[in-house]
Amino acid sequence: MKNLNIFREKSVWINLLVVVVLLLSWELLFSNQDNLDNISSFVKDTTGWRPHLKALSVMAVPRPSKILGIITTTPPNGRGGWEFFWYHAKSTLSAAVLGFFIGDIIAILFAILLAYVKPLERALMPIFLTMRSVPLVAITPLLLRIRFTLADMDVVQTNPILFSLFGTGQVVKMLVVIIIVFFPTMVNVFEGLKSINPSEIELMKSMNASGWQVFWKLRIFKAMPLTFAALKIASASSVLAVTVAEWLGTNQGLGFVMSQGASASLDSRHVWASIVIVTIFGLVFYWAVSLLEKIFIPWHESVIALKQAMNGLELDALPDSSPAPQPKPLASEEGTA
């Protein structure tokens, strides 16, 4: 066990070393135009092919130190620093989290309904699968146009509740997230609920189990692996959906900062800083769902394989596939034989 722990520590240091090397290469090598020209000349002299590395200019790909500086330091115009990015990050984070939870709850309820009501399954499942094929960039402008149309109505502008729903872009971003996370979660939970064998149901009924007990003790139990697989996909998709919605038509959020950087209202440092923050959000979301998966289904083979790969730990709970040792015959039995 000690050797496994040492190997685990080495792997962590190796990963950190790779990240440090990449950042230093970016900082010292690829952010200098003279170095890029020298690399292009070397590749051309060696292979005869000259790569076009001008896209890696300092204007398009600023140094990591410059990206960190725009996050931590407030410039004179106020477009940067902790307060600036946290103001936009709060909008992105709240829409992603609320849309993730609302969309997944609705998806789970629909999956349970379709699993028990056959006519609804035959009627709605083809519609859901068809809607799932609609791209995100086609949904977002449509929702934004509906939002702007509703926001211009007098009844919305005079009613505080309606204005809070349709007068801001936050609800539109949540709707985009709900639509994106709904379909994979609903389909996976539905397949999980339907994955039980008839023999398992017969066994439960032979033990006088009620319909609620079959659902709670068997169907939910069987659906949990596919449910968490869908939640991990939805966790990363929620951040992406919010960013795309903010890019296309809002005035707040990290996606909005990216669009302003791309349109020269801001510079590329703001774009890269927003990318870093959005990436951190996506990783944290995914890690949180993976942690819940380990807590709720530690018995599942995917969790066990992940623990073995990441931690190098031997789980005593795993069943031993080797044949059990046979008891030796007693002395009296040997004599009788």
Foldseek 3Di string as FASTA:
>chain_A
DVVLQVVLVVVVVVVVVVVVVVLVCQQPALADPVNLVVVQVVCCVVPVDGDDSCCSYCQQPNHPVLLVCQADDQDPVRCGHVVNQVQQAVLLVVLLVLLLVVLLVVLLVVLVVCLVDVVCVVVCVVVLVVLLPDDLLVPLVVLVVVLVVQLPDPVQVVDPVSCVCRVACSNSLSVSLSSNLNRQLNVLLNCQLVVDDPVVVVVCVVVVHDPVCCCPVPSCVSSVVSNLVSSLVSLLVSSVSSLSSCLPDHCGHLNVQLNCCVVVVNGNSSNVSSVVVSVVSSVVSNVVSLVVCCVPCVPDPVNVVVCCVNSVDDDPPDDDPDDDDDDDDDPVVVVVD
